[in-house]
């Protein structure tokens, strides 16, 4: 029996996008022919359009962040699959500004290939295109992994900060530089006690014994490098946060923005408990928490897990983060 509510195989994404566009018709438009979403209202001072995208199944990423103060467009692919380069090219052309378009790309092979082809096509069309590659996943920070670190939760924070920066009229090179620097100051770790279920089969991507979890799981159901006992959440969060801080090493005058992110099937009760433990660890290590998000922001279908993201932030970053935003999934 299928676990997902859908009319038929393969209709989950298209039906969801149509419903999403109707539910948020005052904020977004949905191009049904090419399958991308664009913002109805963006800052007229923008000289560069912002576009992101990737596989579906991570909602509200990315379409949920299309709107004033964040993305001009998002290109959703099929579940856990890259959008087509044609889709990216046409969306980019639709939202490009006088100084071009910026692609915010998570570090996965299919995304890099298709965004790269689209960028070549944009160059041929005379449209300047820059790229910020998000590779924040600490679990894949190894010389043995040729593709490099995966792109995960920091994508949300990056889209928010770069959206506000673009609203100031910042040019393409400056946005690329800002975004690249932010990625270098961001890391994420994710854990899961149960895998997501594949829409096509209803079967879990992997099975864990009771009381164990994957430490360093990926947002597409990738197994972690190690499995460990779940144990008390305080001990788990302390280990995760310690690893992030040991890598980022925020200075005494710096602060962090934190994202406590549910991967699909973890309750708000649990996520706020995780956040409380995160604050405890930060306080104990003398790290100032400047801003935080707690909730489901980058999911992995119905995976039972959560991720922690830390971004080291200066005053400029915090100013961009605090700027007004009005999207279907993020507003202030």
Protein backbone atom coordinates (compact mmCIF):
# COMPACT_ATOMS: atom_id res chain seq x y z
CA UNK A 1 0.00 0.00 0.00
CA UNK A 2 1.34 3.43 -0.94
CA UNK A 3 2.31 5.59 2.02
CA UNK A 4 1.84 8.90 0.20
CA UNK A 5 -1.46 10.54 -0.70
CA UNK A 6 -1.40 11.02 -4.45
CA UNK A 7 -3.55 10.37 -7.49
CA UNK A 8 -1.02 8.21 -9.23
CA UNK A 9 2.63 7.33 -9.52
CA UNK A 10 4.78 10.27 -10.54
CA UNK A 11 2.12 12.92 -9.84
CA UNK A 12 3.24 13.92 -6.36
CA UNK A 13 5.50 16.83 -7.36
CA UNK A 14 3.36 18.38 -10.10
CA UNK A 15 0.21 18.20 -7.96
CA UNK A 16 2.02 19.74 -5.01
CA UNK A 17 3.40 22.62 -7.09
CA UNK A 18 -0.02 23.40 -8.53
CA UNK A 19 -1.54 23.43 -5.06
CA UNK A 20 1.35 25.47 -3.68
CA UNK A 21 0.89 28.11 -6.36
CA UNK A 22 -2.84 28.38 -5.65
CA UNK A 23 -2.31 28.53 -1.90
CA UNK A 24 0.23 31.37 -2.25
CA UNK A 25 -1.04 33.04 -5.39
CA UNK A 26 -0.44 36.50 -3.92
CA UNK A 27 3.29 35.72 -3.61
CA UNK A 28 4.32 33.39 -6.43
CA UNK A 29 3.66 32.35 -9.99
CA UNK A 30 4.03 28.78 -11.24
CA UNK A 31 5.20 28.21 -14.81
CA UNK A 32 3.49 24.91 -15.59
CA UNK A 33 5.25 24.46 -18.93
CA UNK A 34 8.79 24.63 -17.56
CA UNK A 35 8.09 23.77 -13.92
CA UNK A 36 9.58 26.71 -12.06
CA UNK A 37 8.23 29.17 -9.51
CA UNK A 38 8.85 32.94 -9.59
CA UNK A 39 8.16 35.75 -7.13
CA UNK A 40 5.41 38.25 -7.82
CA UNK A 41 7.02 40.94 -5.67
CA UNK A 42 10.73 41.64 -5.40
CA UNK A 43 12.79 44.72 -4.60
CA UNK A 44 13.14 47.08 -7.60
CA UNK A 45 16.68 47.97 -6.45
CA UNK A 46 17.90 44.46 -7.22
CA UNK A 47 20.49 44.39 -9.99
CA UNK A 48 20.88 40.60 -9.80
CA UNK A 49 18.18 37.95 -9.77
CA UNK A 50 18.51 35.09 -7.27
CA UNK A 51 17.64 31.52 -8.21
CA UNK A 52 18.01 28.20 -6.46
CA UNK A 53 16.62 24.73 -6.92
CA UNK A 54 17.09 21.04 -6.47
CA UNK A 55 15.16 17.87 -5.92
CA UNK A 56 11.68 17.92 -4.44
CA UNK A 57 11.06 16.20 -1.12
CA UNK A 58 12.88 18.88 0.89
CA UNK A 59 9.94 21.26 1.33
CA UNK A 60 9.74 24.11 2.04
CA UNK A 61 13.14 24.27 0.30
CA UNK A 62 13.31 25.87 -2.29
CA UNK A 63 9.95 27.12 -3.58
CA UNK A 64 8.87 28.12 -0.09
CA UNK A 65 11.59 30.77 -0.04
CA UNK A 66 10.56 32.52 -3.25
CA UNK A 67 9.38 36.05 -2.56
CA UNK A 68 10.33 39.47 -1.27
CA UNK A 69 13.69 39.43 0.48
CA UNK A 70 14.80 35.99 -0.70
CA UNK A 71 14.65 34.15 -4.04
CA UNK A 72 13.34 35.46 -7.34
CA UNK A 73 12.85 31.91 -8.61
CA UNK A 74 13.12 28.25 -7.65
CA UNK A 75 13.42 25.19 -9.89
CA UNK A 76 12.11 22.01 -8.25
CA UNK A 77 13.17 18.70 -9.75
CA UNK A 78 11.55 15.35 -9.18
CA UNK A 79 11.89 13.78 -5.74
CA UNK A 80 15.58 13.85 -4.79
CA UNK A 81 16.55 14.62 -8.41
CA UNK A 82 18.11 17.68 -9.99
CA UNK A 83 15.98 20.05 -12.08
CA UNK A 84 16.68 19.91 -15.81
CA UNK A 85 19.12 22.44 -17.26
CA UNK A 86 16.36 23.71 -19.58
CA UNK A 87 14.19 24.45 -16.55
CA UNK A 88 17.04 26.33 -14.86
CA UNK A 89 17.93 28.26 -18.01
CA UNK A 90 14.38 29.44 -18.66
CA UNK A 91 13.79 30.39 -15.03
CA UNK A 92 17.10 32.26 -14.95
CA UNK A 93 16.23 34.15 -18.09
CA UNK A 94 12.84 35.05 -16.64
CA UNK A 95 14.27 36.63 -13.46
CA UNK A 96 17.65 37.96 -14.63
CA UNK A 97 18.25 41.62 -13.80
CA UNK A 98 20.56 44.13 -15.54
CA UNK A 99 23.61 42.71 -13.73
CA UNK A 100 22.64 39.09 -14.30
CA UNK A 101 21.51 36.17 -12.17
CA UNK A 102 23.01 34.31 -9.23
CA UNK A 103 22.61 30.55 -8.85
CA UNK A 104 22.65 29.15 -5.30
CA UNK A 105 23.55 25.49 -5.81
CA UNK A 106 23.77 22.65 -3.29
CA UNK A 107 26.81 20.46 -3.84
CA UNK A 108 25.39 17.38 -5.52
CA UNK A 109 26.65 16.01 -8.83
CA UNK A 110 23.37 16.34 -10.74
CA UNK A 111 22.77 19.89 -9.51
CA UNK A 112 26.30 20.97 -10.40
CA UNK A 113 25.99 19.50 -13.89
CA UNK A 114 22.58 20.96 -14.72
CA UNK A 115 23.22 24.37 -13.22
CA UNK A 116 26.54 24.41 -15.04
CA UNK A 117 24.94 23.68 -18.41
CA UNK A 118 22.32 26.35 -17.76
CA UNK A 119 25.08 28.85 -16.92
CA UNK A 120 26.79 28.10 -20.24
CA UNK A 121 23.53 28.66 -22.09
CA UNK A 122 23.01 31.93 -20.24
CA UNK A 123 26.50 33.08 -21.23
CA UNK A 124 25.69 32.31 -24.87
CA UNK A 125 22.54 34.43 -24.46
CA UNK A 126 24.57 37.34 -23.08
CA UNK A 127 23.28 37.00 -19.50
CA UNK A 128 25.87 37.19 -16.72
CA UNK A 129 25.60 34.28 -14.28
CA UNK A 130 27.41 33.65 -11.00
CA UNK A 131 27.30 30.67 -8.68
CA UNK A 132 27.56 30.10 -4.96
CA UNK A 133 28.13 26.44 -4.13
CA UNK A 134 26.73 25.36 -0.76
CA UNK A 135 28.83 22.57 0.81
CA UNK A 136 28.16 22.78 4.53
CA UNK A 137 27.73 19.11 5.51
CA UNK A 138 30.39 18.30 8.10
CA UNK A 139 29.72 14.56 7.85
CA UNK A 140 31.14 14.47 4.31
CA UNK A 141 34.20 16.62 5.03
CA UNK A 142 36.73 14.02 3.95
CA UNK A 143 39.49 13.81 1.36
CA UNK A 144 38.17 10.34 0.54
CA UNK A 145 34.94 11.84 -0.86
CA UNK A 146 35.72 13.14 -4.33
CA UNK A 147 32.52 15.17 -4.65
CA UNK A 148 33.27 17.10 -1.46
CA UNK A 149 30.88 18.13 1.28
CA UNK A 150 27.15 17.92 0.54
CA UNK A 151 24.91 20.99 0.56
CA UNK A 152 22.28 20.96 3.30
CA UNK A 153 20.70 23.22 5.93
CA UNK A 154 22.93 26.28 5.50
CA UNK A 155 21.19 26.83 2.15
CA UNK A 156 18.22 28.44 3.93
CA UNK A 157 20.36 30.91 5.87
CA UNK A 158 22.37 31.68 2.76
CA UNK A 159 19.28 32.42 0.68
CA UNK A 160 18.02 34.76 3.38
CA UNK A 161 21.25 36.74 3.74
CA UNK A 162 21.96 36.93 0.01
CA UNK A 163 18.38 37.97 -0.69
CA UNK A 164 18.73 40.96 1.61
CA UNK A 165 22.14 41.80 0.16
CA UNK A 166 20.74 41.70 -3.38
CA UNK A 167 18.01 44.14 -2.29
CA UNK A 168 20.71 46.74 -1.58
CA UNK A 169 21.73 46.71 -5.24
CA UNK A 170 24.87 44.63 -4.69
CA UNK A 171 26.47 43.48 -7.94
CA UNK A 172 27.05 39.90 -9.05
CA UNK A 173 30.72 39.58 -8.07
CA UNK A 174 30.04 41.02 -4.62
CA UNK A 175 27.16 38.60 -4.04
CA UNK A 176 29.32 35.65 -5.10
CA UNK A 177 32.05 36.78 -2.73
CA UNK A 178 29.64 37.29 0.15
CA UNK A 179 27.96 33.94 -0.41
CA UNK A 180 31.21 32.02 -0.75
CA UNK A 181 32.44 33.54 2.50
CA UNK A 182 29.20 32.65 4.29
CA UNK A 183 29.38 29.03 3.15
CA UNK A 184 32.92 28.79 4.51
CA UNK A 185 31.58 29.97 7.89
CA UNK A 186 28.68 27.47 7.96
CA UNK A 187 28.50 23.80 8.85
CA UNK A 188 25.67 21.28 9.36
CA UNK A 189 25.32 17.84 10.94
CA UNK A 190 22.26 15.60 10.63
CA UNK A 191 21.14 12.46 12.46
CA UNK A 192 18.23 10.09 11.89
CA UNK A 193 16.68 7.22 13.82
CA UNK A 194 14.62 6.09 10.80
CA UNK A 195 14.87 6.61 7.06
CA UNK A 196 12.39 8.23 4.72
CA UNK A 197 10.02 6.04 2.71
CA UNK A 198 10.42 6.03 -1.05
CA UNK A 199 7.28 7.37 -2.80
CA UNK A 200 7.49 4.74 -5.54
CA UNK A 201 7.61 1.70 -3.25
CA UNK A 202 6.63 2.84 0.23
CA UNK A 203 9.74 1.09 1.53
CA UNK A 204 12.28 2.71 3.87
CA UNK A 205 15.63 3.73 2.38
CA UNK A 206 17.39 1.87 5.19
CA UNK A 207 16.50 0.06 8.41
CA UNK A 208 18.11 0.64 11.80
CA UNK A 209 17.94 -1.56 14.88
CA UNK A 210 15.93 -0.10 17.79
CA UNK A 211 17.88 2.42 19.83
CA UNK A 212 20.40 3.25 17.09
CA UNK A 213 20.72 6.20 14.73
CA UNK A 214 22.68 7.29 11.70
CA UNK A 215 25.16 10.00 12.70
CA UNK A 216 25.86 12.19 9.67
CA UNK A 217 22.94 11.14 7.47
CA UNK A 218 22.25 12.89 4.13
CA UNK A 219 19.04 14.63 3.11
CA UNK A 220 18.45 12.12 0.29
CA UNK A 221 18.59 9.12 2.58
CA UNK A 222 22.35 8.61 2.26
CA UNK A 223 23.67 6.40 5.03
CA UNK A 224 26.08 7.95 7.49
CA UNK A 225 29.70 6.97 7.98
CA UNK A 226 28.77 5.53 11.36
CA UNK A 227 25.85 4.29 13.41
CA UNK A 228 25.71 5.00 17.14
CA UNK A 229 23.41 4.46 20.06
CA UNK A 230 20.74 7.13 20.24
CA UNK A 231 21.13 7.79 23.97
CA UNK A 232 19.94 10.94 25.76
CA UNK A 233 19.36 13.88 23.44
CA UNK A 234 21.55 16.15 25.56
CA UNK A 235 24.59 13.96 24.95
CA UNK A 236 23.78 13.72 21.25
CA UNK A 237 23.40 17.47 20.78
CA UNK A 238 26.56 18.11 22.79
CA UNK A 239 28.56 15.87 20.47
CA UNK A 240 27.03 17.39 17.34
CA UNK A 241 27.44 20.99 18.48
CA UNK A 242 30.97 20.37 19.68
CA UNK A 243 31.96 19.02 16.27
CA UNK A 244 30.44 22.04 14.52
CA UNK A 245 32.16 24.53 16.83
CA UNK A 246 35.52 22.76 16.65
CA UNK A 247 35.38 23.17 12.88
CA UNK A 248 34.04 26.73 12.71
CA UNK A 249 35.96 28.15 15.70
CA UNK A 250 34.00 31.39 16.13
CA UNK A 251 36.08 34.21 17.58
CA UNK A 252 35.36 35.98 20.89
CA UNK A 253 33.75 38.92 19.09
CA UNK A 254 31.67 36.75 16.75
CA UNK A 255 28.24 35.18 17.18
CA UNK A 256 26.34 32.38 15.46
CA UNK A 257 23.02 31.95 13.71
CA UNK A 258 21.55 28.52 14.48
CA UNK A 259 19.10 26.39 12.55
CA UNK A 260 17.50 23.42 14.31
CA UNK A 261 15.84 21.67 11.41
CA UNK A 262 13.42 18.77 11.33
CA UNK A 263 13.92 16.25 8.54
CA UNK A 264 10.23 15.42 8.19
CA UNK A 265 8.87 13.31 11.04
CA UNK A 266 10.30 14.83 14.21
CA UNK A 267 7.79 16.71 16.37
CA UNK A 268 8.02 20.33 17.46
CA UNK A 269 8.22 19.09 21.05
CA UNK A 270 11.44 17.29 20.20
CA UNK A 271 12.92 20.09 18.08
CA UNK A 272 12.49 22.69 20.81
CA UNK A 273 14.05 20.26 23.25
CA UNK A 274 17.00 19.93 20.87
CA UNK A 275 17.23 23.70 20.66
CA UNK A 276 17.32 23.98 24.44
CA UNK A 277 20.23 21.55 24.54
CA UNK A 278 22.00 23.49 21.78
CA UNK A 279 21.71 26.71 23.78
CA UNK A 280 23.10 24.94 26.84
CA UNK A 281 26.17 23.80 24.93
CA UNK A 282 26.74 27.20 23.31
CA UNK A 283 26.49 28.93 26.69
CA UNK A 284 28.92 26.47 28.25
CA UNK A 285 31.45 27.15 25.51
CA UNK A 286 31.01 30.91 25.64
CA UNK A 287 29.54 31.22 22.14
CA UNK A 288 26.93 33.93 21.66
CA UNK A 289 23.73 32.84 19.91
CA UNK A 290 22.53 35.84 17.88
CA UNK A 291 19.60 34.40 15.92
CA UNK A 292 17.81 31.07 15.56
CA UNK A 293 15.27 29.14 13.52
CA UNK A 294 13.54 26.04 14.85
CA UNK A 295 11.25 23.94 12.68
CA UNK A 296 11.03 22.08 9.37
CA UNK A 297 13.00 24.08 6.79
CA UNK A 298 14.92 21.46 4.78
CA UNK A 299 13.16 18.12 5.03
CA UNK A 300 13.87 14.70 3.58
CA UNK A 301 10.34 13.47 2.93
CA UNK A 302 9.32 11.69 6.16
CA UNK A 303 12.76 10.95 7.57
CA UNK A 304 12.79 10.75 11.36
CA UNK A 305 15.76 12.94 12.15
CA UNK A 306 17.04 16.47 12.59
CA UNK A 307 19.99 18.62 11.60
CA UNK A 308 21.92 21.38 13.34
CA UNK A 309 23.39 24.25 11.33
CA UNK A 310 25.64 26.99 12.65
CA UNK A 311 26.68 30.06 10.67
CA UNK A 312 29.32 32.37 12.14
CA UNK A 313 27.94 35.88 11.74
CA UNK A 314 29.32 39.40 11.92
CA UNK A 315 27.27 42.59 12.18
CA UNK A 316 26.84 42.87 8.42
CA UNK A 317 25.55 39.30 8.17
CA UNK A 318 23.10 39.87 11.02
CA UNK A 319 21.87 43.06 9.39
CA UNK A 320 21.09 41.19 6.18
CA UNK A 321 19.50 38.34 8.13
CA UNK A 322 17.22 40.76 10.01
CA UNK A 323 15.98 42.50 6.84
CA UNK A 324 12.27 42.04 6.07
CA UNK A 325 11.25 38.89 4.22
CA UNK A 326 7.88 37.76 2.88
CA UNK A 327 7.75 34.31 1.36
CA UNK A 328 5.39 31.37 1.79
CA UNK A 329 7.69 29.73 4.36
CA UNK A 330 9.60 32.59 5.97
CA UNK A 331 8.23 36.00 7.00
CA UNK A 332 9.28 38.84 9.28
